[in-house]
Amino acid sequence: MIKTAFAAAAAAVTLAPAAALAGPYVNIEANSGFTGSDYTQTQIDNHIGYESSLGTDASWYIQGGPSVVLPDGADSTTELSGKVGLSVAATDNLNVYGEVAAITQGEMDFDQDLNVCVKLGVKYAF
């Protein structure tokens, strides 16, 4: 089900008419991993996305594209990855946010299991 939703969301952004895309962007992000002081890998996301507001107190985004995975001591791979997120201003000082991210594993297609991460948080501004 997650695979289907992820693919449908990515297709919706890709196939939407240009006039409806009020907030397209490009996001290139590198994330490196360590276990203690031992470097494990770097993942470079090369995403195209779209973001928009939901009324005056909320916003959402969706982005996706190829990710280059550079594991320590192994060959690099290219995977498909994407993220969907939402942010809501609960009060003037409190923001609640969430994100679902997914990346293919070993094959650049949706026939393989996806590695899915979920992020939830709150941010309080003083």
PDB file of N, CA and C in Angstrom:
ATOM      1  N   MET A   1       0.826  -1.194   0.000  1.00  0.00           N
ATOM      2  CA  MET A   1       0.000   0.000   0.000  1.00  0.00           C
ATOM      3  C   MET A   1       0.867   1.254   0.000  1.00  0.00           C
ATOM      4  N   ILE A   2       1.914   1.272   0.823  1.00  0.00           N
ATOM      5  CA  ILE A   2       2.815   2.421   0.866  1.00  0.00           C
ATOM      6  C   ILE A   2       3.455   2.621  -0.504  1.00  0.00           C
ATOM      7  N   LYS A   3       3.825   1.507  -1.147  1.00  0.00           N
ATOM      8  CA  LYS A   3       4.450   1.604  -2.463  1.00  0.00           C
ATOM      9  C   LYS A   3       3.508   2.286  -3.441  1.00  0.00           C
ATOM     10  N   THR A   4       2.260   1.897  -3.437  1.00  0.00           N
ATOM     11  CA  THR A   4       1.273   2.457  -4.348  1.00  0.00           C
ATOM     12  C   THR A   4       1.033   3.938  -4.047  1.00  0.00           C
ATOM     13  N   ALA A   5       0.904   4.291  -2.776  1.00  0.00           N
ATOM     14  CA  ALA A   5       0.680   5.689  -2.404  1.00  0.00           C
ATOM     15  C   ALA A   5       1.869   6.554  -2.776  1.00  0.00           C
ATOM     16  N   PHE A   6       3.057   6.035  -2.532  1.00  0.00           N
ATOM     17  CA  PHE A   6       4.283   6.770  -2.861  1.00  0.00           C
ATOM     18  C   PHE A   6       4.364   7.009  -4.366  1.00  0.00           C
ATOM     19  N   ALA A   7       4.107   5.989  -5.160  1.00  0.00           N
ATOM     20  CA  ALA A   7       4.160   6.102  -6.617  1.00  0.00           C
ATOM     21  C   ALA A   7       3.080   7.051  -7.131  1.00  0.00           C
ATOM     22  N   ALA A   8       1.884   6.968  -6.577  1.00  0.00           N
ATOM     23  CA  ALA A   8       0.784   7.840  -7.006  1.00  0.00           C
ATOM     24  C   ALA A   8       1.074   9.299  -6.681  1.00  0.00           C
ATOM     25  N   ALA A   9       1.629   9.553  -5.493  1.00  0.00           N
ATOM     26  CA  ALA A   9       1.961  10.923  -5.107  1.00  0.00           C
ATOM     27  C   ALA A   9       3.041  11.494  -6.014  1.00  0.00           C
ATOM     28  N   ALA A  10       4.054  10.705  -6.302  1.00  0.00           N
ATOM     29  CA  ALA A  10       5.123  11.160  -7.191  1.00  0.00           C
ATOM     30  C   ALA A  10       4.580  11.427  -8.590  1.00  0.00           C
ATOM     31  N   ALA A  11       3.712  10.567  -9.085  1.00  0.00           N
ATOM     32  CA  ALA A  11       3.124  10.742 -10.419  1.00  0.00           C
ATOM     33  C   ALA A  11       2.234  11.980 -10.460  1.00  0.00           C
ATOM     34  N   ALA A  12       1.501  12.237  -9.396  1.00  0.00           N
ATOM     35  CA  ALA A  12       0.612  13.394  -9.362  1.00  0.00           C
ATOM     36  C   ALA A  12       1.397  14.693  -9.497  1.00  0.00           C
ATOM     37  N   VAL A  13       2.522  14.784  -8.808  1.00  0.00           N
ATOM     38  CA  VAL A  13       3.342  15.987  -8.912  1.00  0.00           C
ATOM     39  C   VAL A  13       3.965  16.091 -10.296  1.00  0.00           C
ATOM     40  N   THR A  14       4.449  14.989 -10.816  1.00  0.00           N
ATOM     41  CA  THR A  14       5.110  14.975 -12.119  1.00  0.00           C
ATOM     42  C   THR A  14       4.143  15.306 -13.245  1.00  0.00           C
ATOM     43  N   LEU A  15       2.918  14.800 -13.166  1.00  0.00           N
ATOM     44  CA  LEU A  15       1.963  14.951 -14.257  1.00  0.00           C
ATOM     45  C   LEU A  15       1.034  16.147 -14.120  1.00  0.00           C
ATOM     46  N   ALA A  16       1.092  16.873 -12.996  1.00  0.00           N
ATOM     47  CA  ALA A  16       0.204  18.014 -12.786  1.00  0.00           C
ATOM     48  C   ALA A  16       0.530  19.126 -13.786  1.00  0.00           C
ATOM     49  N   PRO A  17      -0.484  19.890 -14.219  1.00  0.00           N
ATOM     50  CA  PRO A  17      -0.227  20.981 -15.155  1.00  0.00           C
ATOM     51  C   PRO A  17       0.669  22.037 -14.517  1.00  0.00           C
ATOM     52  N   ALA A  18       1.513  22.658 -15.317  1.00  0.00           N
ATOM     53  CA  ALA A  18       2.473  23.643 -14.808  1.00  0.00           C
ATOM     54  C   ALA A  18       1.780  24.805 -14.113  1.00  0.00           C
ATOM     55  N   ALA A  19       0.635  25.234 -14.604  1.00  0.00           N
ATOM     56  CA  ALA A  19      -0.059  26.364 -13.996  1.00  0.00           C
ATOM     57  C   ALA A  19      -0.494  26.072 -12.568  1.00  0.00           C
ATOM     58  N   ALA A  20      -0.746  24.817 -12.238  1.00  0.00           N
ATOM     59  CA  ALA A  20      -1.197  24.467 -10.897  1.00  0.00           C
ATOM     60  C   ALA A  20      -0.040  24.372  -9.909  1.00  0.00           C
ATOM     61  N   LEU A  21       1.200  24.352 -10.399  1.00  0.00           N
ATOM     62  CA  LEU A  21       2.361  24.231  -9.529  1.00  0.00           C
ATOM     63  C   LEU A  21       2.839  25.612  -9.096  1.00  0.00           C
ATOM     64  N   ALA A  22       2.308  26.102  -7.984  1.00  0.00           N
ATOM     65  CA  ALA A  22       2.658  27.427  -7.510  1.00  0.00           C
ATOM     66  C   ALA A  22       3.965  27.432  -6.724  1.00  0.00           C
ATOM     67  N   GLY A  23       4.431  26.293  -6.241  1.00  0.00           N
ATOM     68  CA  GLY A  23       5.612  26.281  -5.390  1.00  0.00           C
ATOM     69  C   GLY A  23       6.606  25.188  -5.701  1.00  0.00           C
ATOM     70  N   PRO A  24       7.026  25.012  -6.967  1.00  0.00           N
ATOM     71  CA  PRO A  24       8.015  23.974  -7.256  1.00  0.00           C
ATOM     72  C   PRO A  24       9.403  24.383  -6.759  1.00  0.00           C
ATOM     73  N   TYR A  25      10.241  23.395  -6.465  1.00  0.00           N
ATOM     74  CA  TYR A  25      11.601  23.675  -6.011  1.00  0.00           C
ATOM     75  C   TYR A  25      12.503  22.481  -6.297  1.00  0.00           C
ATOM     76  N   VAL A  26      13.795  22.695  -6.153  1.00  0.00           N
ATOM     77  CA  VAL A  26      14.810  21.654  -6.243  1.00  0.00           C
ATOM     78  C   VAL A  26      15.486  21.584  -4.886  1.00  0.00           C
ATOM     79  N   ASN A  27      15.684  20.369  -4.367  1.00  0.00           N
ATOM     80  CA  ASN A  27      16.343  20.183  -3.076  1.00  0.00           C
ATOM     81  C   ASN A  27      17.426  19.122  -3.229  1.00  0.00           C
ATOM     82  N   ILE A  28      18.672  19.526  -3.077  1.00  0.00           N
ATOM     83  CA  ILE A  28      19.793  18.593  -3.093  1.00  0.00           C
ATOM     84  C   ILE A  28      20.332  18.548  -1.665  1.00  0.00           C
ATOM     85  N   GLU A  29      20.356  17.337  -1.099  1.00  0.00           N
ATOM     86  CA  GLU A  29      20.686  17.171   0.321  1.00  0.00           C
ATOM     87  C   GLU A  29      21.600  15.976   0.494  1.00  0.00           C
ATOM     88  N   ALA A  30      22.678  16.146   1.259  1.00  0.00           N
ATOM     89  CA  ALA A  30      23.594  15.046   1.565  1.00  0.00           C
ATOM     90  C   ALA A  30      23.479  14.702   3.040  1.00  0.00           C
ATOM     91  N   ASN A  31      23.263  13.424   3.345  1.00  0.00           N
ATOM     92  CA  ASN A  31      23.182  12.935   4.718  1.00  0.00           C
ATOM     93  C   ASN A  31      24.237  11.854   4.897  1.00  0.00           C
ATOM     94  N   SER A  32      25.106  12.036   5.892  1.00  0.00           N
ATOM     95  CA  SER A  32      26.155  11.061   6.178  1.00  0.00           C
ATOM     96  C   SER A  32      25.858  10.366   7.488  1.00  0.00           C
ATOM     97  N   GLY A  33      26.179   9.068   7.565  1.00  0.00           N
ATOM     98  CA  GLY A  33      25.920   8.272   8.754  1.00  0.00           C
ATOM     99  C   GLY A  33      27.206   7.806   9.413  1.00  0.00           C
ATOM    100  N   PHE A  34      27.151   7.728  10.737  1.00  0.00           N
ATOM    101  CA  PHE A  34      28.277   7.268  11.546  1.00  0.00           C
ATOM    102  C   PHE A  34      27.759   6.351  12.638  1.00  0.00           C
ATOM    103  N   THR A  35      28.532   5.356  13.012  1.00  0.00           N
ATOM    104  CA  THR A  35      28.289   4.557  14.200  1.00  0.00           C
ATOM    105  C   THR A  35      29.476   4.843  15.107  1.00  0.00           C
ATOM    106  N   GLY A  36      29.244   5.618  16.143  1.00  0.00           N
ATOM    107  CA  GLY A  36      30.363   6.120  16.934  1.00  0.00           C
ATOM    108  C   GLY A  36      31.178   7.039  16.042  1.00  0.00           C
ATOM    109  N   SER A  37      32.469   6.783  15.919  1.00  0.00           N
ATOM    110  CA  SER A  37      33.312   7.578  15.027  1.00  0.00           C
ATOM    111  C   SER A  37      33.544   6.879  13.693  1.00  0.00           C
ATOM    112  N   ASP A  38      32.855   5.746  13.451  1.00  0.00           N
ATOM    113  CA  ASP A  38      33.018   4.966  12.225  1.00  0.00           C
ATOM    114  C   ASP A  38      32.029   5.448  11.156  1.00  0.00           C
ATOM    115  N   TYR A  39      32.550   6.015  10.076  1.00  0.00           N
ATOM    116  CA  TYR A  39      31.724   6.455   8.959  1.00  0.00           C
ATOM    117  C   TYR A  39      31.091   5.240   8.285  1.00  0.00           C
ATOM    118  N   THR A  40      29.776   5.313   7.990  1.00  0.00           N
ATOM    119  CA  THR A  40      29.093   4.189   7.344  1.00  0.00           C
ATOM    120  C   THR A  40      28.691   4.483   5.905  1.00  0.00           C
ATOM    121  N   GLN A  41      28.089   5.660   5.639  1.00  0.00           N
ATOM    122  CA  GLN A  41      27.683   5.973   4.272  1.00  0.00           C
ATOM    123  C   GLN A  41      27.222   7.413   4.166  1.00  0.00           C
ATOM    124  N   THR A  42      27.115   7.882   2.908  1.00  0.00           N
ATOM    125  CA  THR A  42      26.498   9.165   2.584  1.00  0.00           C
ATOM    126  C   THR A  42      25.426   8.902   1.542  1.00  0.00           C
ATOM    127  N   GLN A  43      24.292   9.572   1.703  1.00  0.00           N
ATOM    128  CA  GLN A  43      23.192   9.498   0.736  1.00  0.00           C
ATOM    129  C   GLN A  43      22.941  10.904   0.217  1.00  0.00           C
ATOM    130  N   ILE A  44      23.016  11.082  -1.104  1.00  0.00           N
ATOM    131  CA  ILE A  44      22.787  12.387  -1.713  1.00  0.00           C
ATOM    132  C   ILE A  44      21.458  12.342  -2.454  1.00  0.00           C
ATOM    133  N   ASP A  45      20.466  13.062  -1.917  1.00  0.00           N
ATOM    134  CA  ASP A  45      19.138  13.139  -2.536  1.00  0.00           C
ATOM    135  C   ASP A  45      19.134  14.260  -3.567  1.00  0.00           C
ATOM    136  N   ASN A  46      18.607  13.976  -4.726  1.00  0.00           N
ATOM    137  CA  ASN A  46      18.467  14.953  -5.815  1.00  0.00           C
ATOM    138  C   ASN A  46      16.988  15.035  -6.155  1.00  0.00           C
ATOM    139  N   HIS A  47      16.277  15.883  -5.418  1.00  0.00           N
ATOM    140  CA  HIS A  47      14.820  15.901  -5.477  1.00  0.00           C
ATOM    141  C   HIS A  47      14.266  17.128  -6.177  1.00  0.00           C
ATOM    142  N   ILE A  48      13.152  16.895  -6.851  1.00  0.00           N
ATOM    143  CA  ILE A  48      12.298  17.962  -7.352  1.00  0.00           C
ATOM    144  C   ILE A  48      11.032  17.891  -6.520  1.00  0.00           C
ATOM    145  N   GLY A  49      10.545  19.045  -6.073  1.00  0.00           N
ATOM    146  CA  GLY A  49       9.383  19.019  -5.190  1.00  0.00           C
ATOM    147  C   GLY A  49       8.403  20.137  -5.439  1.00  0.00           C
ATOM    148  N   TYR A  50       7.370  20.090  -4.653  1.00  0.00           N
ATOM    149  CA  TYR A  50       6.307  21.087  -4.681  1.00  0.00           C
ATOM    150  C   TYR A  50       5.829  21.310  -3.254  1.00  0.00           C
ATOM    151  N   GLU A  51       5.644  22.576  -2.895  1.00  0.00           N
ATOM    152  CA  GLU A  51       5.128  22.907  -1.567  1.00  0.00           C
ATOM    153  C   GLU A  51       4.026  23.943  -1.688  1.00  0.00           C
ATOM    154  N   SER A  52       3.109  23.914  -0.724  1.00  0.00           N
ATOM    155  CA  SER A  52       1.983  24.829  -0.762  1.00  0.00           C
ATOM    156  C   SER A  52       1.412  24.987   0.640  1.00  0.00           C
ATOM    157  N   SER A  53       0.667  26.053   0.839  1.00  0.00           N
ATOM    158  CA  SER A  53       0.017  26.259   2.126  1.00  0.00           C
ATOM    159  C   SER A  53      -1.343  25.563   2.148  1.00  0.00           C
ATOM    160  N   LEU A  54      -1.784  25.278   3.357  1.00  0.00           N
ATOM    161  CA  LEU A  54      -3.131  24.741   3.600  1.00  0.00           C
ATOM    162  C   LEU A  54      -3.821  25.753   4.509  1.00  0.00           C
ATOM    163  N   GLY A  55      -4.423  26.751   3.944  1.00  0.00           N
ATOM    164  CA  GLY A  55      -4.988  27.820   4.747  1.00  0.00           C
ATOM    165  C   GLY A  55      -3.877  28.711   5.281  1.00  0.00           C
ATOM    166  N   THR A  56      -4.101  29.304   6.449  1.00  0.00           N
ATOM    167  CA  THR A  56      -3.119  30.231   7.019  1.00  0.00           C
ATOM    168  C   THR A  56      -2.196  29.587   8.048  1.00  0.00           C
ATOM    169  N   ASP A  57      -2.542  28.396   8.548  1.00  0.00           N
ATOM    170  CA  ASP A  57      -1.777  27.811   9.647  1.00  0.00           C
ATOM    171  C   ASP A  57      -1.090  26.495   9.315  1.00  0.00           C
ATOM    172  N   ALA A  58      -1.088  26.085   8.064  1.00  0.00           N
ATOM    173  CA  ALA A  58      -0.480  24.796   7.735  1.00  0.00           C
ATOM    174  C   ALA A  58       0.149  24.850   6.345  1.00  0.00           C
ATOM    175  N   SER A  59       1.088  23.946   6.138  1.00  0.00           N
ATOM    176  CA  SER A  59       1.710  23.812   4.822  1.00  0.00           C
ATOM    177  C   SER A  59       2.093  22.353   4.606  1.00  0.00           C
ATOM    178  N   TRP A  60       2.322  21.990   3.341  1.00  0.00           N
ATOM    179  CA  TRP A  60       2.704  20.628   3.008  1.00  0.00           C
ATOM    180  C   TRP A  60       3.714  20.658   1.865  1.00  0.00           C
ATOM    181  N   TYR A  61       4.417  19.539   1.692  1.00  0.00           N
ATOM    182  CA  TYR A  61       5.340  19.413   0.578  1.00  0.00           C
ATOM    183  C   TYR A  61       5.442  17.955   0.157  1.00  0.00           C
ATOM    184  N   ILE A  62       5.880  17.780  -1.086  1.00  0.00           N
ATOM    185  CA  ILE A  62       6.182  16.459  -1.611  1.00  0.00           C
ATOM    186  C   ILE A  62       7.398  16.621  -2.520  1.00  0.00           C
ATOM    187  N   GLN A  63       8.340  15.705  -2.425  1.00  0.00           N
ATOM    188  CA  GLN A  63       9.531  15.782  -3.269  1.00  0.00           C
ATOM    189  C   GLN A  63      10.046  14.386  -3.552  1.00  0.00           C
ATOM    190  N   GLY A  64      10.754  14.242  -4.656  1.00  0.00           N
ATOM    191  CA  GLY A  64      11.301  12.936  -4.990  1.00  0.00           C
ATOM    192  C   GLY A  64      12.265  12.993  -6.146  1.00  0.00           C
ATOM    193  N   GLY A  65      13.027  11.907  -6.289  1.00  0.00           N
ATOM    194  CA  GLY A  65      13.983  11.797  -7.372  1.00  0.00           C
ATOM    195  C   GLY A  65      15.051  10.771  -7.044  1.00  0.00           C
ATOM    196  N   PRO A  66      16.126  10.769  -7.812  1.00  0.00           N
ATOM    197  CA  PRO A  66      17.198   9.799  -7.568  1.00  0.00           C
ATOM    198  C   PRO A  66      18.044  10.176  -6.350  1.00  0.00           C
ATOM    199  N   SER A  67      18.502   9.153  -5.653  1.00  0.00           N
ATOM    200  CA  SER A  67      19.436   9.331  -4.536  1.00  0.00           C
ATOM    201  C   SER A  67      20.665   8.473  -4.811  1.00  0.00           C
ATOM    202  N   VAL A  68      21.824   9.067  -4.661  1.00  0.00           N
ATOM    203  CA  VAL A  68      23.073   8.335  -4.813  1.00  0.00           C
ATOM    204  C   VAL A  68      23.504   7.901  -3.420  1.00  0.00           C
ATOM    205  N   VAL A  69      23.669   6.590  -3.230  1.00  0.00           N
ATOM    206  CA  VAL A  69      24.072   6.033  -1.940  1.00  0.00           C
ATOM    207  C   VAL A  69      25.533   5.614  -2.052  1.00  0.00           C
ATOM    208  N   LEU A  70      26.366   6.164  -1.166  1.00  0.00           N
ATOM    209  CA  LEU A  70      27.809   5.929  -1.177  1.00  0.00           C
ATOM    210  C   LEU A  70      28.221   5.246   0.122  1.00  0.00           C
ATOM    211  N   PRO A  71      28.110   3.913   0.189  1.00  0.00           N
ATOM    212  CA  PRO A  71      28.491   3.207   1.416  1.00  0.00           C
ATOM    213  C   PRO A  71      30.015   3.153   1.559  1.00  0.00           C
ATOM    214  N   ASP A  72      30.474   3.144   2.806  1.00  0.00           N
ATOM    215  CA  ASP A  72      31.902   3.047   3.082  1.00  0.00           C
ATOM    216  C   ASP A  72      32.433   1.693   2.619  1.00  0.00           C
ATOM    217  N   GLY A  73      33.434   1.696   1.745  1.00  0.00           N
ATOM    218  CA  GLY A  73      34.065   0.461   1.314  1.00  0.00           C
ATOM    219  C   GLY A  73      33.265  -0.382   0.341  1.00  0.00           C
ATOM    220  N   ALA A  74      32.235   0.186  -0.285  1.00  0.00           N
ATOM    221  CA  ALA A  74      31.420  -0.583  -1.236  1.00  0.00           C
ATOM    222  C   ALA A  74      31.076   0.305  -2.428  1.00  0.00           C
ATOM    223  N   ASP A  75      30.539  -0.317  -3.472  1.00  0.00           N
ATOM    224  CA  ASP A  75      30.157   0.435  -4.666  1.00  0.00           C
ATOM    225  C   ASP A  75      28.945   1.312  -4.398  1.00  0.00           C
ATOM    226  N   SER A  76      28.886   2.441  -5.086  1.00  0.00           N
ATOM    227  CA  SER A  76      27.729   3.325  -4.965  1.00  0.00           C
ATOM    228  C   SER A  76      26.553   2.734  -5.736  1.00  0.00           C
ATOM    229  N   THR A  77      25.347   3.117  -5.334  1.00  0.00           N
ATOM    230  CA  THR A  77      24.126   2.729  -6.028  1.00  0.00           C
ATOM    231  C   THR A  77      23.258   3.968  -6.212  1.00  0.00           C
ATOM    232  N   THR A  78      22.348   3.890  -7.148  1.00  0.00           N
ATOM    233  CA  THR A  78      21.358   4.947  -7.341  1.00  0.00           C
ATOM    234  C   THR A  78      19.994   4.352  -7.054  1.00  0.00           C
ATOM    235  N   GLU A  79      19.267   4.989  -6.164  1.00  0.00           N
ATOM    236  CA  GLU A  79      17.942   4.529  -5.751  1.00  0.00           C
ATOM    237  C   GLU A  79      16.924   5.624  -6.042  1.00  0.00           C
ATOM    238  N   LEU A  80      15.644   5.312  -5.929  1.00  0.00           N
ATOM    239  CA  LEU A  80      14.567   6.299  -5.992  1.00  0.00           C
ATOM    240  C   LEU A  80      14.152   6.627  -4.573  1.00  0.00           C
ATOM    241  N   SER A  81      13.978   7.915  -4.288  1.00  0.00           N
ATOM    242  CA  SER A  81      13.569   8.308  -2.941  1.00  0.00           C
ATOM    243  C   SER A  81      12.585   9.465  -3.017  1.00  0.00           C
ATOM    244  N   GLY A  82      11.876   9.673  -1.917  1.00  0.00           N
ATOM    245  CA  GLY A  82      10.926  10.766  -1.846  1.00  0.00           C
ATOM    246  C   GLY A  82      10.486  11.029  -0.427  1.00  0.00           C
ATOM    247  N   LYS A  83       9.879  12.192  -0.243  1.00  0.00           N
ATOM    248  CA  LYS A  83       9.389  12.618   1.073  1.00  0.00           C
ATOM    249  C   LYS A  83       8.062  13.341   0.902  1.00  0.00           C
ATOM    250  N   VAL A  84       7.211  13.188   1.887  1.00  0.00           N
ATOM    251  CA  VAL A  84       5.961  13.928   1.985  1.00  0.00           C
ATOM    252  C   VAL A  84       5.897  14.469   3.398  1.00  0.00           C
ATOM    253  N   GLY A  85       5.588  15.760   3.550  1.00  0.00           N
ATOM    254  CA  GLY A  85       5.567  16.345   4.886  1.00  0.00           C
ATOM    255  C   GLY A  85       4.440  17.333   5.074  1.00  0.00           C
ATOM    256  N   LEU A  86       4.154  17.597   6.342  1.00  0.00           N
ATOM    257  CA  LEU A  86       3.079  18.500   6.753  1.00  0.00           C
ATOM    258  C   LEU A  86       3.535  19.258   7.980  1.00  0.00           C
ATOM    259  N   SER A  87       3.199  20.543   8.056  1.00  0.00           N
ATOM    260  CA  SER A  87       3.520  21.370   9.214  1.00  0.00           C
ATOM    261  C   SER A  87       2.285  22.187   9.578  1.00  0.00           C
ATOM    262  N   VAL A  88       1.937  22.199  10.871  1.00  0.00           N
ATOM    263  CA  VAL A  88       0.749  22.916  11.337  1.00  0.00           C
ATOM    264  C   VAL A  88       1.127  23.798  12.519  1.00  0.00           C
ATOM    265  N   ALA A  89       0.747  25.070  12.455  1.00  0.00           N
ATOM    266  CA  ALA A  89       0.941  25.984  13.578  1.00  0.00           C
ATOM    267  C   ALA A  89      -0.201  25.761  14.557  1.00  0.00           C
ATOM    268  N   ALA A  90       0.078  25.049  15.647  1.00  0.00           N
ATOM    269  CA  ALA A  90      -0.956  24.756  16.647  1.00  0.00           C
ATOM    270  C   ALA A  90      -1.311  26.014  17.444  1.00  0.00           C
ATOM    271  N   THR A  91      -0.302  26.825  17.757  1.00  0.00           N
ATOM    272  CA  THR A  91      -0.477  28.126  18.409  1.00  0.00           C
ATOM    273  C   THR A  91       0.527  29.081  17.779  1.00  0.00           C
ATOM    274  N   ASP A  92       0.587  30.316  18.278  1.00  0.00           N
ATOM    275  CA  ASP A  92       1.576  31.262  17.761  1.00  0.00           C
ATOM    276  C   ASP A  92       3.002  30.782  18.017  1.00  0.00           C
ATOM    277  N   ASN A  93       3.209  29.997  19.076  1.00  0.00           N
ATOM    278  CA  ASN A  93       4.549  29.559  19.459  1.00  0.00           C
ATOM    279  C   ASN A  93       4.821  28.081  19.196  1.00  0.00           C
ATOM    280  N   LEU A  94       3.805  27.294  18.904  1.00  0.00           N
ATOM    281  CA  LEU A  94       3.968  25.846  18.791  1.00  0.00           C
ATOM    282  C   LEU A  94       3.647  25.357  17.379  1.00  0.00           C
ATOM    283  N   ASN A  95       4.613  24.662  16.789  1.00  0.00           N
ATOM    284  CA  ASN A  95       4.456  24.103  15.455  1.00  0.00           C
ATOM    285  C   ASN A  95       4.571  22.584  15.550  1.00  0.00           C
ATOM    286  N   VAL A  96       3.656  21.861  14.937  1.00  0.00           N
ATOM    287  CA  VAL A  96       3.667  20.399  14.909  1.00  0.00           C
ATOM    288  C   VAL A  96       3.963  19.982  13.465  1.00  0.00           C
ATOM    289  N   TYR A  97       4.880  19.020  13.288  1.00  0.00           N
ATOM    290  CA  TYR A  97       5.250  18.629  11.934  1.00  0.00           C
ATOM    291  C   TYR A  97       5.443  17.128  11.826  1.00  0.00           C
ATOM    292  N   GLY A  98       5.346  16.642  10.601  1.00  0.00           N
ATOM    293  CA  GLY A  98       5.569  15.231  10.334  1.00  0.00           C
ATOM    294  C   GLY A  98       6.066  15.032   8.916  1.00  0.00           C
ATOM    295  N   GLU A  99       6.794  13.922   8.718  1.00  0.00           N
ATOM    296  CA  GLU A  99       7.337  13.603   7.407  1.00  0.00           C
ATOM    297  C   GLU A  99       7.389  12.094   7.237  1.00  0.00           C
ATOM    298  N   VAL A 100       7.075  11.621   6.041  1.00  0.00           N
ATOM    299  CA  VAL A 100       7.267  10.225   5.662  1.00  0.00           C
ATOM    300  C   VAL A 100       8.244  10.232   4.499  1.00  0.00           C
ATOM    301  N   ALA A 101       9.337   9.492   4.642  1.00  0.00           N
ATOM    302  CA  ALA A 101      10.354   9.394   3.590  1.00  0.00           C
ATOM    303  C   ALA A 101      10.516   7.930   3.212  1.00  0.00           C
ATOM    304  N   ALA A 102      10.810   7.679   1.940  1.00  0.00           N
ATOM    305  CA  ALA A 102      11.004   6.307   1.476  1.00  0.00           C
ATOM    306  C   ALA A 102      12.103   6.273   0.426  1.00  0.00           C
ATOM    307  N   ILE A 103      12.809   5.132   0.374  1.00  0.00           N
ATOM    308  CA  ILE A 103      13.853   4.927  -0.624  1.00  0.00           C
ATOM    309  C   ILE A 103      13.847   3.453  -1.028  1.00  0.00           C
ATOM    310  N   THR A 104      14.079   3.197  -2.323  1.00  0.00           N
ATOM    311  CA  THR A 104      14.164   1.821  -2.791  1.00  0.00           C
ATOM    312  C   THR A 104      15.425   1.169  -2.238  1.00  0.00           C
ATOM    313  N   GLN A 105      15.450  -0.164  -2.268  1.00  0.00           N
ATOM    314  CA  GLN A 105      16.573  -0.923  -1.714  1.00  0.00           C
ATOM    315  C   GLN A 105      17.180  -1.836  -2.765  1.00  0.00           C
ATOM    316  N   GLY A 106      18.312  -1.462  -3.323  1.00  0.00           N
ATOM    317  CA  GLY A 106      19.033  -2.346  -4.221  1.00  0.00           C
ATOM    318  C   GLY A 106      18.590  -2.338  -5.661  1.00  0.00           C
ATOM    319  N   GLU A 107      17.395  -1.952  -5.953  1.00  0.00           N
ATOM    320  CA  GLU A 107      16.885  -1.860  -7.313  1.00  0.00           C
ATOM    321  C   GLU A 107      16.161  -0.532  -7.421  1.00  0.00           C
ATOM    322  N   MET A 108      16.279   0.118  -8.556  1.00  0.00           N
ATOM    323  CA  MET A 108      15.610   1.402  -8.722  1.00  0.00           C
ATOM    324  C   MET A 108      14.194   1.193  -9.245  1.00  0.00           C
ATOM    325  N   ASP A 109      13.386   0.443  -8.472  1.00  0.00           N
ATOM    326  CA  ASP A 109      11.993   0.225  -8.841  1.00  0.00           C
ATOM    327  C   ASP A 109      11.181  -0.066  -7.581  1.00  0.00           C
ATOM    328  N   PHE A 110       9.870  -0.139  -7.750  1.00  0.00           N
ATOM    329  CA  PHE A 110       8.975  -0.345  -6.610  1.00  0.00           C
ATOM    330  C   PHE A 110       8.634  -1.809  -6.394  1.00  0.00           C
ATOM    331  N   ASP A 111       9.286  -2.733  -7.130  1.00  0.00           N
ATOM    332  CA  ASP A 111       9.056  -4.151  -6.897  1.00  0.00           C
ATOM    333  C   ASP A 111       9.797  -4.654  -5.662  1.00  0.00           C
ATOM    334  N   GLN A 112      10.771  -3.890  -5.204  1.00  0.00           N
ATOM    335  CA  GLN A 112      11.541  -4.251  -4.018  1.00  0.00           C
ATOM    336  C   GLN A 112      10.901  -3.591  -2.797  1.00  0.00           C
ATOM    337  N   ASP A 113      11.247  -4.071  -1.603  1.00  0.00           N
ATOM    338  CA  ASP A 113      10.773  -3.432  -0.383  1.00  0.00           C
ATOM    339  C   ASP A 113      11.356  -2.026  -0.265  1.00  0.00           C
ATOM    340  N   LEU A 114      10.564  -1.115   0.227  1.00  0.00           N
ATOM    341  CA  LEU A 114      11.022   0.247   0.473  1.00  0.00           C
ATOM    342  C   LEU A 114      11.528   0.371   1.900  1.00  0.00           C
ATOM    343  N   ASN A 115      12.552   1.177   2.092  1.00  0.00           N
ATOM    344  CA  ASN A 115      12.980   1.565   3.426  1.00  0.00           C
ATOM    345  C   ASN A 115      12.196   2.837   3.745  1.00  0.00           C
ATOM    346  N   VAL A 116      11.304   2.773   4.718  1.00  0.00           N
ATOM    347  CA  VAL A 116      10.416   3.886   5.046  1.00  0.00           C
ATOM    348  C   VAL A 116      10.768   4.432   6.425  1.00  0.00           C
ATOM    349  N   CYS A 117      10.878   5.759   6.516  1.00  0.00           N
ATOM    350  CA  CYS A 117      11.145   6.439   7.783  1.00  0.00           C
ATOM    351  C   CYS A 117      10.026   7.425   8.058  1.00  0.00           C
ATOM    352  N   VAL A 118       9.645   7.539   9.317  1.00  0.00           N
ATOM    353  CA  VAL A 118       8.599   8.471   9.731  1.00  0.00           C
ATOM    354  C   VAL A 118       9.185   9.415  10.770  1.00  0.00           C
ATOM    355  N   LYS A 119       8.914  10.707  10.595  1.00  0.00           N
ATOM    356  CA  LYS A 119       9.398  11.724  11.522  1.00  0.00           C
ATOM    357  C   LYS A 119       8.200  12.512  12.047  1.00  0.00           C
ATOM    358  N   LEU A 120       8.089  12.662  13.341  1.00  0.00           N
ATOM    359  CA  LEU A 120       7.058  13.484  13.974  1.00  0.00           C
ATOM    360  C   LEU A 120       7.755  14.381  14.983  1.00  0.00           C
ATOM    361  N   GLY A 121       7.309  15.635  15.100  1.00  0.00           N
ATOM    362  CA  GLY A 121       7.949  16.513  16.064  1.00  0.00           C
ATOM    363  C   GLY A 121       7.130  17.734  16.377  1.00  0.00           C
ATOM    364  N   VAL A 122       7.578  18.434  17.391  1.00  0.00           N
ATOM    365  CA  VAL A 122       7.011  19.727  17.759  1.00  0.00           C
ATOM    366  C   VAL A 122       8.160  20.708  17.912  1.00  0.00           C
ATOM    367  N   LYS A 123       7.868  21.966  17.583  1.00  0.00           N
ATOM    368  CA  LYS A 123       8.864  23.026  17.704  1.00  0.00           C
ATOM    369  C   LYS A 123       8.199  24.167  18.455  1.00  0.00           C
ATOM    370  N   TYR A 124       8.829  24.564  19.584  1.00  0.00           N
ATOM    371  CA  TYR A 124       8.307  25.666  20.380  1.00  0.00           C
ATOM    372  C   TYR A 124       9.244  26.849  20.265  1.00  0.00           C
ATOM    373  N   ALA A 125       8.730  27.999  19.854  1.00  0.00           N
ATOM    374  CA  ALA A 125       9.510  29.230  19.724  1.00  0.00           C
ATOM    375  C   ALA A 125       9.240  30.134  20.925  1.00  0.00           C
ATOM    376  N   PHE A 126      10.276  30.648  21.524  1.00  0.00           N
ATOM    377  CA  PHE A 126      10.143  31.528  22.701  1.00  0.00           C
ATOM    378  C   PHE A 126       9.970  32.966  22.294  1.00  0.00           C
TER     379      PHE A 126
END
